[in-house]
Amino acid sequence: MSLSKLNKARWGIGINYFSVLLTFILFELVEKNNFDQTKYAYLGRILAWGSLLGFVLWLISFYKIYWKTKWWKYVHQSIKNLDERERQAVGEAVRKSYGYFTVLILTAIWVFLIFKWNPDFILFWIALYIAHILPASILKWQGYKI
């Protein structure tokens, strides 16, 4: 993979994860603070629209980085369809992603416990998404070719 394509891929991965984080943070701010009952109702609407914008950016970046390039399918196919080099690369990416995912989720749980927040459905969906997309992100970030 050429350096310019690798940099574009890394930017795309960064935008994808940034949009996930933006969506999560803005959604949680709207959910945890009852803006409708205060004089800051307009702020709640701005944050809600920002969360929606982050979600749309998330969908677009997922489509361009993982779906259109078939990286999503590559790490979700049967190991029988891979040759030895591919098995080794995917296995290493899955091993690394398991470690990163564990640290990420434990940190999220820790933050929720510190602030005495109750996790809601968006944390579950984002965790599920990250668990599935992280191996492809690792392979793509390293410049692995399929």
N, C-alpha and C. Protein backbone atom coordinates (compact mmCIF):
# COMPACT_ATOMS: atom_id res chain seq x y z
N MET A 1 0.85 -1.17 0.00
CA MET A 1 0.00 0.00 0.00
C MET A 1 0.90 1.23 0.00
N SER A 2 0.64 2.16 -0.92
CA SER A 2 1.46 3.36 -1.00
C SER A 2 1.22 4.23 0.23
N LEU A 3 2.18 5.12 0.48
CA LEU A 3 2.11 5.96 1.67
C LEU A 3 0.88 6.86 1.65
N SER A 4 0.53 7.40 0.48
CA SER A 4 -0.64 8.28 0.43
C SER A 4 -1.93 7.50 0.70
N LYS A 5 -2.04 6.27 0.18
CA LYS A 5 -3.23 5.45 0.46
C LYS A 5 -3.27 5.04 1.92
N LEU A 6 -2.10 4.74 2.49
CA LEU A 6 -2.04 4.38 3.91
C LEU A 6 -2.45 5.56 4.78
N ASN A 7 -1.98 6.76 4.44
CA ASN A 7 -2.38 7.94 5.21
C ASN A 7 -3.87 8.22 5.08
N LYS A 8 -4.43 8.04 3.88
CA LYS A 8 -5.88 8.22 3.71
C LYS A 8 -6.65 7.20 4.54
N ALA A 9 -6.17 5.96 4.55
CA ALA A 9 -6.83 4.92 5.34
C ALA A 9 -6.76 5.26 6.82
N ARG A 10 -5.61 5.72 7.27
CA ARG A 10 -5.46 6.08 8.69
C ARG A 10 -6.35 7.26 9.05
N TRP A 11 -6.45 8.25 8.17
CA TRP A 11 -7.37 9.36 8.42
C TRP A 11 -8.80 8.87 8.49
N GLY A 12 -9.16 7.97 7.60
CA GLY A 12 -10.52 7.42 7.62
C GLY A 12 -10.81 6.67 8.91
N ILE A 13 -9.84 5.87 9.36
CA ILE A 13 -10.02 5.15 10.63
C ILE A 13 -10.16 6.14 11.77
N GLY A 14 -9.33 7.18 11.77
CA GLY A 14 -9.41 8.20 12.82
C GLY A 14 -10.74 8.91 12.82
N ILE A 15 -11.23 9.26 11.64
CA ILE A 15 -12.54 9.92 11.53
C ILE A 15 -13.64 8.99 12.02
N ASN A 16 -13.53 7.70 11.69
CA ASN A 16 -14.55 6.75 12.12
C ASN A 16 -14.60 6.67 13.65
N TYR A 17 -13.46 6.50 14.27
CA TYR A 17 -13.45 6.40 15.73
C TYR A 17 -13.79 7.73 16.40
N PHE A 18 -13.38 8.85 15.80
CA PHE A 18 -13.76 10.16 16.34
C PHE A 18 -15.27 10.34 16.29
N SER A 19 -15.89 9.94 15.19
CA SER A 19 -17.35 10.09 15.07
C SER A 19 -18.07 9.19 16.06
N VAL A 20 -17.53 8.00 16.33
CA VAL A 20 -18.12 7.12 17.35
C VAL A 20 -18.04 7.80 18.72
N LEU A 21 -16.87 8.35 19.04
CA LEU A 21 -16.68 9.01 20.32
C LEU A 21 -17.55 10.26 20.44
N LEU A 22 -17.62 11.04 19.37
CA LEU A 22 -18.45 12.24 19.36
C LEU A 22 -19.93 11.89 19.58
N THR A 23 -20.40 10.89 18.86
CA THR A 23 -21.78 10.46 19.01
C THR A 23 -22.06 10.03 20.44
N PHE A 24 -21.15 9.22 20.99
CA PHE A 24 -21.33 8.72 22.35
C PHE A 24 -21.35 9.84 23.38
N ILE A 25 -20.37 10.73 23.32
CA ILE A 25 -20.27 11.80 24.32
C ILE A 25 -21.47 12.74 24.24
N LEU A 26 -21.82 13.17 23.04
CA LEU A 26 -22.95 14.09 22.92
C LEU A 26 -24.27 13.43 23.31
N PHE A 27 -24.44 12.16 22.93
CA PHE A 27 -25.65 11.45 23.32
C PHE A 27 -25.74 11.34 24.85
N GLU A 28 -24.62 10.99 25.47
CA GLU A 28 -24.62 10.87 26.94
C GLU A 28 -24.88 12.21 27.61
N LEU A 29 -24.32 13.29 27.09
CA LEU A 29 -24.58 14.61 27.67
C LEU A 29 -26.07 14.96 27.60
N VAL A 30 -26.68 14.67 26.47
CA VAL A 30 -28.11 14.95 26.33
C VAL A 30 -28.92 14.04 27.25
N GLU A 31 -28.53 12.76 27.31
CA GLU A 31 -29.27 11.78 28.09
C GLU A 31 -29.15 12.03 29.60
N LYS A 32 -27.96 12.37 30.06
CA LYS A 32 -27.72 12.50 31.51
C LYS A 32 -28.18 13.85 32.08
N ASN A 33 -28.28 14.87 31.23
CA ASN A 33 -28.71 16.20 31.68
C ASN A 33 -30.09 16.48 31.11
N ASN A 34 -30.97 16.85 31.96
CA ASN A 34 -32.35 17.12 31.53
C ASN A 34 -32.45 18.58 31.08
N PHE A 35 -32.04 18.83 29.84
CA PHE A 35 -32.02 20.20 29.33
C PHE A 35 -33.41 20.76 29.11
N ASP A 36 -34.40 19.92 28.88
CA ASP A 36 -35.75 20.41 28.61
C ASP A 36 -36.36 21.12 29.81
N GLN A 37 -35.92 20.78 31.00
CA GLN A 37 -36.48 21.34 32.22
C GLN A 37 -35.74 22.59 32.68
N THR A 38 -34.76 23.04 31.92
CA THR A 38 -33.97 24.20 32.33
C THR A 38 -34.06 25.29 31.27
N LYS A 39 -33.42 26.40 31.58
CA LYS A 39 -33.37 27.49 30.60
C LYS A 39 -32.38 27.21 29.48
N TYR A 40 -31.68 26.08 29.56
CA TYR A 40 -30.69 25.71 28.54
C TYR A 40 -31.24 24.67 27.56
N ALA A 41 -32.51 24.72 27.29
CA ALA A 41 -33.13 23.76 26.37
C ALA A 41 -32.51 23.84 24.98
N TYR A 42 -32.14 25.04 24.56
CA TYR A 42 -31.50 25.20 23.25
C TYR A 42 -30.17 24.44 23.20
N LEU A 43 -29.44 24.42 24.30
CA LEU A 43 -28.17 23.69 24.35
C LEU A 43 -28.41 22.19 24.18
N GLY A 44 -29.46 21.70 24.78
CA GLY A 44 -29.82 20.29 24.61
C GLY A 44 -30.13 19.95 23.17
N ARG A 45 -30.84 20.85 22.48
CA ARG A 45 -31.15 20.62 21.07
C ARG A 45 -29.88 20.66 20.20
N ILE A 46 -28.97 21.57 20.51
CA ILE A 46 -27.71 21.65 19.77
C ILE A 46 -26.90 20.37 19.96
N LEU A 47 -26.83 19.90 21.19
CA LEU A 47 -26.09 18.66 21.47
C LEU A 47 -26.75 17.46 20.80
N ALA A 48 -28.07 17.43 20.78
CA ALA A 48 -28.78 16.33 20.12
C ALA A 48 -28.51 16.34 18.62
N TRP A 49 -28.53 17.51 18.00
CA TRP A 49 -28.22 17.61 16.57
C TRP A 49 -26.76 17.24 16.31
N GLY A 50 -25.87 17.63 17.22
CA GLY A 50 -24.47 17.26 17.08
C GLY A 50 -24.29 15.75 17.17
N SER A 51 -25.03 15.13 18.06
CA SER A 51 -24.99 13.67 18.18
C SER A 51 -25.48 13.01 16.90
N LEU A 52 -26.54 13.53 16.34
CA LEU A 52 -27.07 13.01 15.08
C LEU A 52 -26.06 13.20 13.94
N LEU A 53 -25.41 14.35 13.90
CA LEU A 53 -24.38 14.61 12.89
C LEU A 53 -23.22 13.63 13.06
N GLY A 54 -22.80 13.39 14.30
CA GLY A 54 -21.74 12.41 14.55
C GLY A 54 -22.13 11.02 14.08
N PHE A 55 -23.39 10.66 14.29
CA PHE A 55 -23.88 9.35 13.86
C PHE A 55 -23.86 9.22 12.34
N VAL A 56 -24.26 10.26 11.64
CA VAL A 56 -24.24 10.25 10.17
C VAL A 56 -22.80 10.15 9.67
N LEU A 57 -21.89 10.91 10.28
CA LEU A 57 -20.47 10.83 9.93
C LEU A 57 -19.94 9.42 10.19
N TRP A 58 -20.37 8.83 11.27
CA TRP A 58 -19.98 7.46 11.62
C TRP A 58 -20.42 6.48 10.52
N LEU A 59 -21.67 6.58 10.08
CA LEU A 59 -22.17 5.69 9.04
C LEU A 59 -21.44 5.88 7.72
N ILE A 60 -21.20 7.12 7.35
CA ILE A 60 -20.50 7.40 6.09
C ILE A 60 -19.08 6.87 6.15
N SER A 61 -18.37 7.12 7.24
CA SER A 61 -16.98 6.66 7.35
C SER A 61 -16.92 5.14 7.41
N PHE A 62 -17.88 4.51 8.07
CA PHE A 62 -17.90 3.04 8.08
C PHE A 62 -18.06 2.51 6.67
N TYR A 63 -18.98 3.09 5.92
CA TYR A 63 -19.23 2.62 4.55
C TYR A 63 -17.97 2.78 3.69
N LYS A 64 -17.33 3.93 3.78
CA LYS A 64 -16.17 4.19 2.92
C LYS A 64 -14.94 3.40 3.34
N ILE A 65 -14.72 3.23 4.62
CA ILE A 65 -13.48 2.60 5.10
C ILE A 65 -13.61 1.08 5.18
N TYR A 66 -14.72 0.57 5.65
CA TYR A 66 -14.81 -0.87 5.92
C TYR A 66 -15.71 -1.63 4.95
N TRP A 67 -16.84 -1.08 4.60
CA TRP A 67 -17.80 -1.81 3.78
C TRP A 67 -17.41 -1.80 2.31
N LYS A 68 -17.19 -0.63 1.76
CA LYS A 68 -16.89 -0.49 0.35
C LYS A 68 -15.57 -1.18 -0.02
N THR A 69 -14.59 -1.16 0.88
CA THR A 69 -13.29 -1.78 0.62
C THR A 69 -13.26 -3.25 0.99
N LYS A 70 -14.35 -3.77 1.53
CA LYS A 70 -14.52 -5.17 1.91
C LYS A 70 -13.66 -5.61 3.11
N TRP A 71 -13.15 -4.64 3.87
CA TRP A 71 -12.39 -4.99 5.07
C TRP A 71 -13.29 -5.63 6.12
N TRP A 72 -14.54 -5.19 6.18
CA TRP A 72 -15.49 -5.78 7.13
C TRP A 72 -15.64 -7.27 6.87
N LYS A 73 -15.84 -7.62 5.60
CA LYS A 73 -16.03 -9.02 5.23
C LYS A 73 -14.75 -9.82 5.45
N TYR A 74 -13.61 -9.20 5.20
CA TYR A 74 -12.34 -9.91 5.29
C TYR A 74 -12.09 -10.49 6.68
N VAL A 75 -12.35 -9.72 7.71
CA VAL A 75 -12.09 -10.21 9.07
C VAL A 75 -13.27 -10.99 9.64
N HIS A 76 -14.38 -11.07 8.90
CA HIS A 76 -15.55 -11.80 9.39
C HIS A 76 -15.85 -13.06 8.58
N GLN A 77 -14.92 -13.47 7.75
CA GLN A 77 -15.13 -14.70 6.99
C GLN A 77 -14.52 -15.89 7.73
N SER A 78 -14.88 -17.06 7.29
CA SER A 78 -14.37 -18.29 7.90
C SER A 78 -12.86 -18.38 7.72
N ILE A 79 -12.19 -18.88 8.72
CA ILE A 79 -10.74 -19.04 8.66
C ILE A 79 -10.33 -20.04 7.59
N LYS A 80 -11.27 -20.88 7.19
CA LYS A 80 -10.99 -21.86 6.13
C LYS A 80 -10.76 -21.18 4.78
N ASN A 81 -11.30 -19.98 4.61
CA ASN A 81 -11.16 -19.25 3.35
C ASN A 81 -9.85 -18.47 3.25
N LEU A 82 -9.04 -18.50 4.29
CA LEU A 82 -7.80 -17.72 4.32
C LEU A 82 -6.59 -18.62 4.11
N ASP A 83 -5.56 -18.08 3.47
CA ASP A 83 -4.32 -18.85 3.37
C ASP A 83 -3.52 -18.66 4.67
N GLU A 84 -2.37 -19.28 4.77
CA GLU A 84 -1.60 -19.28 6.02
C GLU A 84 -1.15 -17.88 6.42
N ARG A 85 -0.72 -17.08 5.46
CA ARG A 85 -0.28 -15.71 5.75
C ARG A 85 -1.46 -14.88 6.27
N GLU A 86 -2.61 -15.04 5.64
CA GLU A 86 -3.80 -14.30 6.06
C GLU A 86 -4.28 -14.75 7.44
N ARG A 87 -4.22 -16.04 7.69
CA ARG A 87 -4.61 -16.55 9.02
C ARG A 87 -3.73 -15.95 10.11
N GLN A 88 -2.45 -15.89 9.83
CA GLN A 88 -1.53 -15.34 10.82
C GLN A 88 -1.81 -13.86 11.07
N ALA A 89 -2.03 -13.09 10.00
CA ALA A 89 -2.28 -11.66 10.14
C ALA A 89 -3.60 -11.39 10.86
N VAL A 90 -4.64 -12.11 10.47
CA VAL A 90 -5.95 -11.91 11.11
C VAL A 90 -5.89 -12.36 12.57
N GLY A 91 -5.22 -13.48 12.83
CA GLY A 91 -5.08 -13.95 14.20
C GLY A 91 -4.35 -12.96 15.09
N GLU A 92 -3.29 -12.37 14.56
CA GLU A 92 -2.54 -11.35 15.32
C GLU A 92 -3.40 -10.11 15.56
N ALA A 93 -4.15 -9.70 14.55
CA ALA A 93 -5.02 -8.53 14.70
C ALA A 93 -6.12 -8.79 15.73
N VAL A 94 -6.68 -9.99 15.72
CA VAL A 94 -7.71 -10.34 16.69
C VAL A 94 -7.13 -10.38 18.10
N ARG A 95 -5.92 -10.91 18.23
CA ARG A 95 -5.26 -10.95 19.54
C ARG A 95 -5.02 -9.54 20.08
N LYS A 96 -4.50 -8.66 19.24
CA LYS A 96 -4.27 -7.28 19.67
C LYS A 96 -5.58 -6.57 19.99
N SER A 97 -6.58 -6.77 19.14
CA SER A 97 -7.84 -6.07 19.36
C SER A 97 -8.53 -6.54 20.64
N TYR A 98 -8.34 -7.79 21.01
CA TYR A 98 -8.91 -8.28 22.26
C TYR A 98 -8.32 -7.51 23.45
N GLY A 99 -7.02 -7.31 23.42
CA GLY A 99 -6.37 -6.57 24.51
C GLY A 99 -6.82 -5.12 24.55
N TYR A 100 -6.83 -4.46 23.40
CA TYR A 100 -7.26 -3.05 23.34
C TYR A 100 -8.71 -2.91 23.76
N PHE A 101 -9.54 -3.82 23.30
CA PHE A 101 -10.96 -3.76 23.61
C PHE A 101 -11.21 -3.94 25.11
N THR A 102 -10.49 -4.87 25.71
CA THR A 102 -10.64 -5.10 27.14
C THR A 102 -10.29 -3.85 27.94
N VAL A 103 -9.19 -3.23 27.62
CA VAL A 103 -8.78 -2.01 28.32
C VAL A 103 -9.79 -0.90 28.09
N LEU A 104 -10.26 -0.75 26.87
CA LEU A 104 -11.23 0.29 26.54
C LEU A 104 -12.53 0.12 27.31
N ILE A 105 -13.06 -1.07 27.33
CA ILE A 105 -14.34 -1.31 28.01
C ILE A 105 -14.20 -1.19 29.52
N LEU A 106 -13.11 -1.70 30.07
CA LEU A 106 -12.90 -1.56 31.52
C LEU A 106 -12.75 -0.09 31.91
N THR A 107 -12.09 0.70 31.07
CA THR A 107 -11.98 2.14 31.33
C THR A 107 -13.34 2.81 31.26
N ALA A 108 -14.15 2.45 30.28
CA ALA A 108 -15.50 3.02 30.17
C ALA A 108 -16.34 2.67 31.40
N ILE A 109 -16.26 1.43 31.84
CA ILE A 109 -17.01 1.01 33.03
C ILE A 109 -16.52 1.79 34.25
N TRP A 110 -15.22 1.96 34.36
CA TRP A 110 -14.63 2.69 35.48
C TRP A 110 -15.14 4.13 35.50
N VAL A 111 -15.18 4.79 34.33
CA VAL A 111 -15.67 6.17 34.25
C VAL A 111 -17.14 6.23 34.65
N PHE A 112 -17.94 5.28 34.20
CA PHE A 112 -19.35 5.25 34.58
C PHE A 112 -19.51 5.05 36.08
N LEU A 113 -18.66 4.24 36.68
CA LEU A 113 -18.73 4.04 38.13
C LEU A 113 -18.31 5.29 38.89
N ILE A 114 -17.29 5.98 38.43
CA ILE A 114 -16.82 7.20 39.11
C ILE A 114 -17.91 8.26 39.12
N PHE A 115 -18.57 8.46 37.99
CA PHE A 115 -19.61 9.48 37.89
C PHE A 115 -20.99 8.98 38.32
N LYS A 116 -21.05 7.70 38.73
CA LYS A 116 -22.30 7.08 39.19
C LYS A 116 -23.39 7.18 38.14
N TRP A 117 -22.99 6.93 36.89
CA TRP A 117 -23.93 6.89 35.78
C TRP A 117 -24.35 5.46 35.54
N ASN A 118 -25.54 5.32 35.04
CA ASN A 118 -25.99 4.00 34.60
C ASN A 118 -25.72 3.86 33.12
N PRO A 119 -24.99 2.82 32.72
CA PRO A 119 -24.77 2.64 31.28
C PRO A 119 -26.09 2.37 30.58
N ASP A 120 -26.22 2.87 29.37
CA ASP A 120 -27.46 2.65 28.63
C ASP A 120 -27.14 1.94 27.32
N PHE A 121 -28.13 1.86 26.46
CA PHE A 121 -28.02 1.04 25.26
C PHE A 121 -26.92 1.50 24.31
N ILE A 122 -26.61 2.78 24.27
CA ILE A 122 -25.61 3.25 23.30
C ILE A 122 -24.22 2.71 23.65
N LEU A 123 -23.92 2.56 24.93
CA LEU A 123 -22.63 1.98 25.31
C LEU A 123 -22.53 0.54 24.83
N PHE A 124 -23.61 -0.20 24.94
CA PHE A 124 -23.62 -1.58 24.46
C PHE A 124 -23.40 -1.64 22.95
N TRP A 125 -24.12 -0.82 22.18
CA TRP A 125 -24.00 -0.86 20.73
C TRP A 125 -22.63 -0.40 20.25
N ILE A 126 -22.08 0.60 20.90
CA ILE A 126 -20.74 1.05 20.52
C ILE A 126 -19.70 0.00 20.86
N ALA A 127 -19.84 -0.65 22.00
CA ALA A 127 -18.91 -1.72 22.37
C ALA A 127 -18.99 -2.87 21.38
N LEU A 128 -20.19 -3.22 20.98
CA LEU A 128 -20.37 -4.29 19.99
C LEU A 128 -19.74 -3.89 18.65
N TYR A 129 -19.96 -2.66 18.23
CA TYR A 129 -19.38 -2.17 16.98
C TYR A 129 -17.85 -2.21 17.04
N ILE A 130 -17.28 -1.69 18.11
CA ILE A 130 -15.82 -1.64 18.23
C ILE A 130 -15.24 -3.06 18.27
N ALA A 131 -15.90 -3.96 18.96
CA ALA A 131 -15.41 -5.34 19.02
C ALA A 131 -15.33 -5.95 17.63
N HIS A 132 -16.27 -5.63 16.77
CA HIS A 132 -16.28 -6.20 15.42
C HIS A 132 -15.34 -5.49 14.45
N ILE A 133 -15.13 -4.21 14.63
CA ILE A 133 -14.38 -3.43 13.65
C ILE A 133 -12.90 -3.30 14.01
N LEU A 134 -12.53 -3.52 15.25
CA LEU A 134 -11.15 -3.30 15.69
C LEU A 134 -10.13 -4.17 14.96
N PRO A 135 -10.36 -5.46 14.73
CA PRO A 135 -9.34 -6.22 13.98
C PRO A 135 -9.10 -5.67 12.57
N ALA A 136 -10.15 -5.27 11.88
CA ALA A 136 -9.97 -4.69 10.54
C ALA A 136 -9.23 -3.36 10.63
N SER A 137 -9.50 -2.59 11.67
CA SER A 137 -8.81 -1.31 11.84
C SER A 137 -7.31 -1.53 12.05
N ILE A 138 -6.97 -2.51 12.84
CA ILE A 138 -5.57 -2.80 13.11
C ILE A 138 -4.86 -3.23 11.83
N LEU A 139 -5.47 -4.13 11.08
CA LEU A 139 -4.86 -4.58 9.82
C LEU A 139 -4.71 -3.42 8.84
N LYS A 140 -5.74 -2.62 8.71
CA LYS A 140 -5.72 -1.52 7.76
C LYS A 140 -4.72 -0.46 8.20
N TRP A 141 -4.63 -0.17 9.48
CA TRP A 141 -3.69 0.82 10.01
C TRP A 141 -2.25 0.41 9.73
N GLN A 142 -1.98 -0.88 9.81
CA GLN A 142 -0.62 -1.38 9.58
C GLN A 142 -0.27 -1.48 8.10
N GLY A 143 -1.23 -1.26 7.23
CA GLY A 143 -0.98 -1.28 5.80
C GLY A 143 -1.07 -2.66 5.19
N TYR A 144 -1.74 -3.57 5.85
CA TYR A 144 -1.91 -4.93 5.33
C TYR A 144 -2.76 -4.89 4.07
N LYS A 145 -2.39 -5.67 3.09
CA LYS A 145 -3.13 -5.71 1.82
C LYS A 145 -3.99 -6.96 1.74
N ILE A 146 -5.21 -6.78 1.25
CA ILE A 146 -6.06 -7.95 1.03
C ILE A 146 -6.19 -8.19 -0.46
